[in-house]
Amino acid sequence: MLTTEETAFFREENPWGLILFRRNIGTPEQVTQLTAAFREAVGRPDAPVLIDQEGGRVQRMRPPHWPKYPAPKLFGDIFEGDVEAALRAAWLGARLIADDLHAVGITIDCLPCLDVRFPDTVDAIGDRAFSADPDVVARLGRAMAEGALAGGVLPVVKHIPGHGRARVDSHLELPWVEADHSSLESVDFRPFKALSDVSLGMTAHIVYEGIDPQTAGTQSAKVIGEVIRGELGFDGCLMSDDISMKALGGSFRDRTRKIIEAGCDIVLHCNGDMNEMRAVAEAVPELTGKADRRCSVALAGRKEPEPGFDRQSAWAEFQALTGWQGV
């Protein structure tokens, strides 16, 4: 549950939403109580609660209370031999995950990962990427986004405009991508452009030398304004990747200020450190204007799960399509 200090902080600061990590997850009953406690603290029964539940290594809710799901690369592997089976499996995987999340009050899942895989893609992305083919990535990403929506959960496209060329882990240091704009446009950008209608997106803490050689994408007005909003046509709610990652330098007030000035709508802080949270809260402005509109439109797109979903049958079909035996 929330501590007294956390409850008071949320009540006072009224953050847009809450993101959960493995450290926050116990039983289904505990997670349900936690999401309800957050919404009670901020006084908004529809306040978003987010999680990274992709499958594979990035899965916060795990056995014994929730199934183990495969990494997204499996869908890309299936795609090579059977396109329709892969698309159906990707949809079912996201639909099953959404069923898990909806049951405990989680309304946003930070998937699909639309990063294109390269031979030297850092392991922090690795099998989280569907494929080395941007068109396959786009089609499978669309299937997972639609599966999540059918289950009453909003998807988040990430890491826009592309993390696949990074050769170091942005959790630990700042990656630099040397590719020119034309190369990025012809490969990395394509899945994000294809899914630009998805209402939520997450940035990448990467310097794209062919766009802005001075500044990480999350803090670059050129990357956000000219590429994400302009070239890719993404007009949804744009959140930063985790501000506490080591790719970004400076104080948390300074990091926050640069992210907002660059054009992000939401600053995402993930490690739970209260002093850092207070610094971010002091620096972030009230959600107004275009940012408020984009966030409101995104949340309005969430609907209750479509009726008639038979989880047992869906899981059996998923296993038959994928050969997956995770429990």
Protein backbone atom coordinates (compact mmCIF):
# COMPACT_ATOMS: atom_id res chain seq x y z
CA MET A 1 0.00 0.00 0.00
CA LEU A 2 0.94 3.67 -0.15
CA THR A 3 2.88 5.05 2.77
CA THR A 4 1.51 8.01 4.68
CA GLU A 5 4.16 10.21 3.05
CA GLU A 6 3.28 8.98 -0.44
CA THR A 7 -0.43 9.49 0.13
CA ALA A 8 0.16 13.05 1.31
CA PHE A 9 2.46 13.74 -1.65
CA PHE A 10 -0.05 12.46 -4.20
CA ARG A 11 -2.88 14.36 -2.55
CA GLU A 12 -0.90 17.60 -2.60
CA GLU A 13 0.74 17.32 -6.05
CA ASN A 14 -2.06 15.51 -7.93
CA PRO A 15 0.20 13.85 -10.53
CA TRP A 16 -1.34 12.85 -13.86
CA GLY A 17 -0.79 9.16 -13.17
CA LEU A 18 1.14 6.43 -11.38
CA ILE A 19 3.49 3.83 -12.89
CA LEU A 20 4.03 0.50 -11.15
CA PHE A 21 7.16 -1.65 -11.06
CA ARG A 22 8.05 -5.10 -9.80
CA ARG A 23 8.70 -3.72 -6.33
CA ASN A 24 5.07 -2.58 -6.15
CA ILE A 25 3.55 -5.93 -7.15
CA GLY A 26 2.36 -8.58 -4.71
CA THR A 27 -0.95 -10.36 -5.03
CA PRO A 28 -3.87 -9.36 -7.26
CA GLU A 29 -5.72 -8.14 -4.19
CA GLN A 30 -2.77 -5.99 -3.12
CA VAL A 31 -2.37 -4.41 -6.57
CA THR A 32 -6.11 -3.69 -6.75
CA GLN A 33 -5.93 -1.97 -3.37
CA LEU A 34 -2.86 0.01 -4.46
CA THR A 35 -4.43 1.36 -7.64
CA ALA A 36 -7.57 2.28 -5.72
CA ALA A 37 -5.54 4.00 -2.99
CA PHE A 38 -3.73 6.14 -5.55
CA ARG A 39 -6.98 7.23 -7.19
CA GLU A 40 -8.47 8.04 -3.82
CA ALA A 41 -5.40 10.12 -2.91
CA VAL A 42 -5.60 12.25 -6.06
CA GLY A 43 -9.40 12.39 -6.00
CA ARG A 44 -9.81 11.17 -9.59
CA PRO A 45 -11.46 7.78 -10.05
CA ASP A 46 -10.19 7.63 -13.63
CA ALA A 47 -6.58 8.67 -12.91
CA PRO A 48 -4.29 6.57 -15.13
CA VAL A 49 -2.18 3.78 -13.69
CA LEU A 50 0.61 2.54 -15.95
CA ILE A 51 2.89 -0.48 -16.10
CA ASP A 52 5.51 -2.02 -18.41
CA GLN A 53 4.03 -5.43 -19.16
CA GLU A 54 5.49 -6.47 -22.50
CA GLY A 55 6.36 -10.11 -21.88
CA GLY A 56 9.82 -11.62 -21.74
CA ARG A 57 12.26 -9.72 -19.53
CA VAL A 58 9.98 -6.71 -19.21
CA GLN A 59 7.12 -8.11 -17.19
CA ARG A 60 6.32 -6.59 -13.80
CA MET A 61 3.41 -8.93 -12.94
CA ARG A 62 4.73 -12.47 -12.88
CA PRO A 63 3.97 -16.01 -11.75
CA PRO A 64 2.59 -17.40 -9.53
CA HIS A 65 -0.26 -14.88 -9.72
CA TRP A 66 0.00 -14.04 -13.43
CA PRO A 67 1.14 -16.02 -16.48
CA LYS A 68 4.56 -15.67 -18.00
CA TYR A 69 4.37 -14.15 -21.50
CA PRO A 70 6.92 -14.45 -24.31
CA ALA A 71 9.16 -11.63 -25.49
CA PRO A 72 7.76 -9.83 -28.58
CA LYS A 73 10.48 -11.30 -30.82
CA LEU A 74 8.54 -14.58 -30.82
CA PHE A 75 5.76 -12.94 -32.83
CA GLY A 76 8.31 -11.70 -35.34
CA ASP A 77 9.76 -15.19 -35.67
CA ILE A 78 6.30 -16.64 -36.32
CA PHE A 79 5.63 -13.89 -38.87
CA GLU A 80 8.42 -15.23 -41.08
CA GLY A 81 6.45 -18.43 -41.67
CA ASP A 82 2.82 -17.52 -41.08
CA VAL A 83 1.75 -13.88 -41.19
CA GLU A 84 -1.83 -14.38 -40.04
CA ALA A 85 -0.82 -16.64 -37.15
CA ALA A 86 1.70 -14.05 -35.99
CA LEU A 87 -0.78 -11.18 -36.12
CA ARG A 88 -3.43 -13.19 -34.29
CA ALA A 89 -0.90 -14.32 -31.66
CA ALA A 90 0.28 -10.75 -31.08
CA TRP A 91 -3.32 -9.56 -30.70
CA LEU A 92 -4.15 -12.39 -28.31
CA GLY A 93 -0.99 -11.82 -26.27
CA ALA A 94 -1.87 -8.17 -25.72
CA ARG A 95 -5.52 -9.01 -25.10
CA LEU A 96 -4.58 -11.55 -22.41
CA ILE A 97 -2.16 -9.10 -20.78
CA ALA A 98 -4.87 -6.43 -20.83
CA ASP A 99 -7.21 -8.85 -19.09
CA ASP A 100 -4.65 -9.23 -16.29
CA LEU A 101 -4.17 -5.48 -15.98
CA HIS A 102 -7.81 -4.45 -16.17
CA ALA A 103 -8.67 -6.85 -13.36
CA VAL A 104 -6.41 -4.97 -10.92
CA GLY A 105 -7.15 -1.41 -12.03
CA ILE A 106 -4.23 -0.77 -14.41
CA THR A 107 -5.36 1.23 -17.42
CA ILE A 108 -2.21 1.89 -19.50
CA ASP A 109 0.40 -0.61 -20.68
CA CYS A 110 3.68 0.69 -22.09
CA LEU A 111 3.63 -1.49 -25.18
CA PRO A 112 4.19 -2.01 -28.09
CA CYS A 113 7.92 -1.52 -28.45
CA LEU A 114 8.28 -0.31 -32.06
CA ASP A 115 12.07 -0.24 -32.11
CA VAL A 116 13.57 -1.95 -35.16
CA ARG A 117 16.21 -4.55 -34.32
CA PHE A 118 19.72 -4.22 -35.77
CA PRO A 119 22.67 -6.65 -35.55
CA ASP A 120 24.26 -4.53 -32.83
CA THR A 121 21.09 -3.47 -30.97
CA VAL A 122 21.82 -3.25 -27.25
CA ASP A 123 20.54 -6.11 -25.10
CA ALA A 124 18.34 -3.65 -23.19
CA ILE A 125 16.15 -3.73 -26.31
CA GLY A 126 17.14 -7.07 -27.85
CA ASP A 127 14.20 -9.48 -27.99
CA ARG A 128 11.80 -6.71 -27.02
CA ALA A 129 11.97 -5.72 -30.71
CA PHE A 130 9.63 -7.69 -32.97
CA SER A 131 11.85 -7.76 -36.01
CA ALA A 132 14.59 -6.20 -38.13
CA ASP A 133 11.94 -5.37 -40.74
CA PRO A 134 10.18 -2.06 -39.99
CA ASP A 135 7.03 -3.14 -41.81
CA VAL A 136 6.78 -6.32 -39.73
CA VAL A 137 7.33 -4.22 -36.60
CA ALA A 138 4.50 -1.90 -37.63
CA ARG A 139 2.04 -4.71 -38.36
CA LEU A 140 2.74 -6.61 -35.16
CA GLY A 141 2.77 -3.38 -33.15
CA ARG A 142 -0.64 -2.52 -34.53
CA ALA A 143 -1.95 -5.97 -33.57
CA MET A 144 -0.73 -5.60 -29.99
CA ALA A 145 -2.07 -2.05 -29.69
CA GLU A 146 -5.49 -3.22 -30.85
CA GLY A 147 -5.41 -6.22 -28.51
CA ALA A 148 -4.69 -3.96 -25.55
CA LEU A 149 -7.49 -1.57 -26.50
CA ALA A 150 -9.95 -4.44 -26.84
CA GLY A 151 -9.13 -5.36 -23.26
CA GLY A 152 -9.77 -1.88 -21.88
CA VAL A 153 -6.11 -0.84 -21.66
CA LEU A 154 -4.41 2.01 -23.53
CA PRO A 155 -1.17 1.19 -25.39
CA VAL A 156 1.96 3.38 -25.53
CA VAL A 157 4.21 3.31 -28.60
CA LYS A 158 7.88 3.39 -27.64
CA HIS A 159 10.65 4.46 -27.88
CA ILE A 160 9.80 7.17 -30.36
CA PRO A 161 11.49 7.96 -32.80
CA GLY A 162 13.50 4.71 -32.42
CA HIS A 163 15.88 3.00 -29.99
CA GLY A 164 17.05 0.10 -32.16
CA ARG A 165 20.37 1.59 -33.27
CA ALA A 166 21.51 2.27 -29.71
CA ARG A 167 24.56 0.22 -28.76
CA VAL A 168 24.59 1.11 -25.06
CA ASP A 169 21.90 0.90 -22.39
CA SER A 170 20.24 4.27 -21.75
CA HIS A 171 19.50 3.12 -18.19
CA LEU A 172 23.27 3.39 -17.66
CA GLU A 173 24.61 5.96 -20.16
CA LEU A 174 23.57 8.18 -23.03
CA PRO A 175 23.53 6.41 -26.41
CA TRP A 176 24.64 8.24 -29.56
CA VAL A 177 23.22 7.20 -32.91
CA GLU A 178 25.40 8.25 -35.84
CA ALA A 179 22.94 7.46 -38.68
CA ASP A 180 21.94 10.34 -40.90
CA HIS A 181 18.38 11.59 -41.13
CA SER A 182 17.68 9.74 -44.37
CA SER A 183 18.71 6.39 -42.87
CA LEU A 184 16.56 6.96 -39.80
CA GLU A 185 13.62 7.98 -41.96
CA SER A 186 13.86 4.92 -44.19
CA VAL A 187 13.92 2.39 -41.34
CA ASP A 188 13.60 3.53 -37.72
CA PHE A 189 10.81 6.06 -38.16
CA ARG A 190 8.52 3.89 -40.26
CA PRO A 191 6.75 1.89 -37.52
CA PHE A 192 6.10 5.07 -35.53
CA LYS A 193 4.72 6.86 -38.56
CA ALA A 194 2.46 3.89 -39.29
CA LEU A 195 1.10 3.99 -35.73
CA SER A 196 1.05 7.78 -35.32
CA ASP A 197 -2.67 7.58 -34.52
CA VAL A 198 -2.00 5.74 -31.24
CA SER A 199 -2.79 8.27 -28.53
CA LEU A 200 0.18 7.72 -26.19
CA GLY A 201 3.90 7.66 -26.95
CA MET A 202 7.19 7.45 -25.04
CA THR A 203 10.44 9.13 -26.08
CA ALA A 204 13.98 7.76 -26.27
CA HIS A 205 16.94 9.10 -24.30
CA ILE A 206 19.22 9.02 -27.36
CA VAL A 207 21.26 11.61 -29.22
CA TYR A 208 20.42 11.38 -32.93
CA GLU A 209 23.43 13.00 -34.57
CA GLY A 210 21.59 13.30 -37.89
CA ILE A 211 18.85 15.41 -36.26
CA ASP A 212 20.22 17.15 -33.17
CA PRO A 213 23.84 16.27 -32.36
CA GLN A 214 23.80 18.19 -29.09
CA THR A 215 20.79 16.92 -27.15
CA ALA A 216 19.06 13.67 -26.18
CA GLY A 217 15.79 13.18 -28.06
CA THR A 218 13.71 13.46 -24.91
CA GLN A 219 15.07 16.96 -24.35
CA SER A 220 15.41 18.05 -27.97
CA ALA A 221 12.87 20.52 -29.36
CA LYS A 222 14.09 19.59 -32.84
CA VAL A 223 13.52 15.84 -32.36
CA ILE A 224 10.11 16.38 -30.78
CA GLY A 225 8.86 19.31 -32.84
CA GLU A 226 10.27 18.57 -36.28
CA VAL A 227 10.40 14.77 -36.24
CA ILE A 228 7.88 13.35 -33.74
CA ARG A 229 5.18 15.99 -34.11
CA GLY A 230 6.03 16.99 -37.67
CA GLU A 231 7.52 14.26 -39.81
CA LEU A 232 5.92 11.34 -37.97
CA GLY A 233 2.63 13.13 -37.42
CA PHE A 234 2.26 12.02 -33.80
CA ASP A 235 -0.20 14.32 -32.03
CA GLY A 236 -0.88 12.16 -28.99
CA CYS A 237 0.19 12.49 -25.38
CA LEU A 238 3.99 12.31 -25.37
CA MET A 239 5.70 11.16 -22.18
CA SER A 240 9.40 11.00 -21.49
CA ASP A 241 11.16 7.74 -20.81
CA ASP A 242 12.15 7.45 -17.15
CA ILE A 243 13.80 10.69 -16.07
CA SER A 244 15.86 8.86 -13.44
CA MET A 245 17.80 6.89 -16.06
CA LYS A 246 21.51 7.72 -16.17
CA ALA A 247 21.35 8.77 -19.83
CA LEU A 248 20.19 12.19 -18.65
CA GLY A 249 22.44 14.46 -16.62
CA GLY A 250 21.89 17.45 -14.36
CA SER A 251 19.57 17.94 -11.41
CA PHE A 252 16.06 16.56 -11.54
CA ARG A 253 14.67 20.09 -11.73
CA ASP A 254 16.92 20.79 -14.71
CA ARG A 255 16.05 17.49 -16.40
CA THR A 256 12.36 18.18 -15.95
CA ARG A 257 12.56 21.74 -17.25
CA LYS A 258 14.42 20.66 -20.40
CA ILE A 259 11.94 17.84 -21.10
CA ILE A 260 8.92 20.13 -20.85
CA GLU A 261 10.56 22.93 -22.85
CA ALA A 262 11.40 20.45 -25.60
CA GLY A 263 7.73 19.58 -26.01
CA CYS A 264 6.95 16.51 -23.90
CA ASP A 265 3.56 16.56 -22.22
CA ILE A 266 4.34 14.23 -19.31
CA VAL A 267 7.52 13.63 -17.31
CA LEU A 268 7.88 10.01 -16.21
CA HIS A 269 9.76 9.35 -12.97
CA CYS A 270 10.06 5.71 -12.00
CA ASN A 271 12.40 4.85 -9.13
CA GLY A 272 10.13 5.98 -6.27
CA ASP A 273 12.76 8.17 -4.58
CA MET A 274 10.72 10.77 -2.71
CA ASN A 275 13.33 13.53 -2.86
CA GLU A 276 13.58 13.15 -6.63
CA MET A 277 9.80 13.05 -6.93
CA ARG A 278 9.52 16.31 -5.04
CA ALA A 279 12.13 17.95 -7.25
CA VAL A 280 10.28 16.85 -10.39
CA ALA A 281 6.95 18.03 -8.98
CA GLU A 282 8.41 21.45 -8.18
CA ALA A 283 9.73 21.87 -11.72
CA VAL A 284 6.89 20.49 -13.80
CA PRO A 285 4.15 22.96 -14.75
CA GLU A 286 0.44 22.41 -14.40
CA LEU A 287 -1.02 20.44 -17.28
CA THR A 288 -2.71 23.01 -19.52
CA GLY A 289 -3.24 23.98 -23.15
CA LYS A 290 -2.29 21.57 -25.92
CA ALA A 291 -0.64 19.16 -23.49
CA ASP A 292 -3.81 18.92 -21.43
CA ARG A 293 -5.88 18.42 -24.58
CA ARG A 294 -3.66 15.64 -25.86
CA CYS A 295 -3.70 13.85 -22.52
CA SER A 296 -7.48 14.19 -22.20
CA VAL A 297 -8.05 12.87 -25.70
CA ALA A 298 -5.79 9.91 -24.97
CA LEU A 299 -7.63 8.96 -21.80
CA ALA A 300 -11.02 9.39 -23.48
CA GLY A 301 -10.02 6.69 -25.95
CA ARG A 302 -10.04 3.97 -23.31
CA LYS A 303 -13.19 1.87 -23.35
CA GLU A 304 -14.34 -0.98 -21.16
CA PRO A 305 -13.31 -4.42 -22.46
CA GLU A 306 -15.30 -5.79 -25.33
CA PRO A 307 -17.83 -8.36 -24.07
CA GLY A 308 -17.64 -12.09 -24.64
CA PHE A 309 -13.94 -12.61 -23.99
CA ASP A 310 -13.28 -16.22 -22.95
CA ARG A 311 -9.87 -16.19 -21.30
CA GLN A 312 -9.45 -19.94 -21.18
CA SER A 313 -10.17 -20.33 -24.88
CA ALA A 314 -7.97 -17.35 -25.73
CA TRP A 315 -5.03 -18.77 -23.78
CA ALA A 316 -5.45 -22.17 -25.44
CA GLU A 317 -5.47 -20.52 -28.88
CA PHE A 318 -2.44 -18.42 -27.97
CA GLN A 319 -0.51 -21.54 -26.95
CA ALA A 320 -1.52 -23.37 -30.11
CA LEU A 321 -0.33 -20.50 -32.32
CA THR A 322 2.94 -19.88 -30.50
CA GLY A 323 3.89 -23.14 -28.83
CA TRP A 324 4.29 -21.07 -25.69
CA GLN A 325 4.05 -23.02 -22.42
CA GLY A 326 4.77 -20.25 -19.94
CA VAL A 327 2.95 -20.58 -16.64
